[in-house]
C-alpha cells in the first residue's frame, strides 16, 4: 500500500481550511501488488471504499438545508464519470453506503463517505453544490479504507518501504520487509473459502475445475455464484473460483463440479501430481 501525501484530515485530526491552496490534495490507502499477487488486484480494487473529503461551498448555506441535501446522496445514485476520467463516460449506478458531516466551518465541510468501488467523490461534491444552488468543489480527499485495508492497520508509506529495503540489502534483516509486504492470502481474507485435499491442489493449479470429492473444508456461507478462494491444506492460495453449488449442496453431494476456476495463483508442480488409478480386472 502506498501514500502520496502524509497530511491527514481525519475527523479526530485538527485541520485549518485556510492552509489549503491550489489543486485538490489526494492521499490515503492504495493496495499495491507485486509478483503473483498482481493476479488478485482486480479483487482488491473491486471492494468498498471509505473516504474523508473536504468540500468547499462557493456560498454560505444553512445547516438544515445542507444536511437535507447530503442525505439525498445516501443509497443508489446515478453517476457519469467526469471528463478527465480514464473510463468510458457512460451513466452508471453506484451505492453510497454512508455519507455524514464530521465538521463544518463557514463554507468548508468535512465529510466521511463510504461507497461502492468506482464512485467519484469529486462528482458527488459537485452534484451537492448544484442541488444547493451555490456550487461546490473538492479541496482535499483521503481514502482511509479500501476493502480490508485501512490506514490505521495496514498503511505503509513509500519512504518506510524504501527504508525496509535498505535494511534488508545492507544488514540482511527482513523483519520490516516481511511486516510491510503481506502474504497474498491477506488480499482474499474477505472472500469465502474452500480448503481442498492435497491431491486436488496440483490439478487446480493446472486449471482444472474443483470437484466435490476434492473438498476437505468448506465455508458454510457459500452460495451459488459467489466468488471464493481455494486454499491448500497449508492455507496457501491456490486459485480464485466461482461457486457452482451452494455449501449446502456440496455437503450433501458425492460428485459434481463445485466451483469453476477463474484465476490460478499457485504454480503447478509444488504439490504431487494426481495420477488416476487403473481399475484392476
Foldseek 3Di string as FASTA:
>chain_A
DAWDDPDDDDLVDDDDVVVFDDAAAETEDDDDDDDLLVLCVVVQQQFKWKKKWKKFFQAFDDPVLLVVLQVVQAFKDWDFDDPPDPDHRDIDIWHWPDWDWSDDDGRMTIIMTMIGRPDDPQVVSQVSNVVRVGGMGTRYMYIQDGHPDGCVQQYDYPVQCVVLVVCCVPVVDNPSVPVNDDDSLVSQPVFWEWEFELQVLQVVLVFDFAKLQGTDDGDQQFAAQGWHFYAYPVRHTFFIWGARHHSVVSVPDDTDGGTGGDGGRDHHPPGDHHDDDDDDD
